[in-house]
Amino acid sequence: MGLILLEALAAGLVLILIIWWTMFSGRNKGELHDEPDADAESSDRDPPPKV
């Protein structure tokens, strides 16, 4: 019985490790945040020409 619980715990730890690795492996500082000024800059641009 104890061996089954140990195996289940190991499987859970592997699952958590896989999830953590896929979320944060490619980023230096974790999640990327949107810049609040991005919408203001897009409104300053000229609209696309009508064809």
Protein backbone atom coordinates (compact mmCIF):
# COMPACT_ATOMS: atom_id res chain seq x y z
CA MET A 1 0.00 0.00 0.00
CA GLY A 2 2.80 2.39 0.87
CA LEU A 3 4.50 1.72 -2.47
CA ILE A 4 1.33 2.69 -4.35
CA LEU A 5 1.10 5.99 -2.42
CA LEU A 6 4.78 6.69 -3.06
CA GLU A 7 4.31 6.06 -6.78
CA ALA A 8 1.23 8.34 -6.87
CA LEU A 9 3.21 11.08 -5.11
CA ALA A 10 6.06 10.72 -7.61
CA ALA A 11 3.62 10.92 -10.53
CA GLY A 12 2.06 14.07 -9.07
CA LEU A 13 5.47 15.68 -8.64
CA VAL A 14 6.38 14.85 -12.25
CA LEU A 15 3.10 16.39 -13.43
CA ILE A 16 3.75 19.59 -11.46
CA LEU A 17 7.32 19.74 -12.81
CA ILE A 18 6.10 19.39 -16.41
CA ILE A 19 3.52 22.14 -15.95
CA TRP A 20 6.05 24.47 -14.31
CA TRP A 21 8.63 23.78 -17.01
CA THR A 22 6.23 24.53 -19.88
CA MET A 23 5.02 27.76 -18.26
CA PHE A 24 8.35 29.36 -17.38
CA SER A 25 11.16 27.70 -19.34
CA GLY A 26 11.43 30.25 -22.17
CA ARG A 27 11.09 33.48 -20.22
CA ASN A 28 13.77 35.18 -18.14
CA LYS A 29 11.37 36.96 -15.78
CA GLY A 30 8.26 34.76 -15.89
CA GLU A 31 5.04 35.97 -17.48
CA LEU A 32 5.16 38.88 -19.90
CA HIS A 33 2.90 41.85 -19.16
CA ASP A 34 1.17 44.05 -21.72
CA GLU A 35 2.29 47.64 -21.87
CA PRO A 36 -0.54 50.05 -20.96
CA ASP A 37 0.62 52.60 -23.57
CA ALA A 38 0.23 50.15 -26.48
CA ASP A 39 -3.41 51.17 -27.11
CA ALA A 40 -2.58 54.90 -26.98
CA GLU A 41 0.14 54.50 -29.62
CA SER A 42 -2.16 52.67 -32.02
CA SER A 43 -4.71 55.52 -31.93
CA ASP A 44 -2.01 58.05 -32.98
CA ARG A 45 -1.38 56.29 -36.27
CA ASP A 46 -3.14 57.25 -39.48
CA PRO A 47 -5.97 54.96 -40.54
CA PRO A 48 -5.23 52.66 -43.49
CA PRO A 49 -5.96 54.17 -46.92
CA LYS A 50 -9.30 53.32 -48.50
CA VAL A 51 -9.08 51.49 -51.78
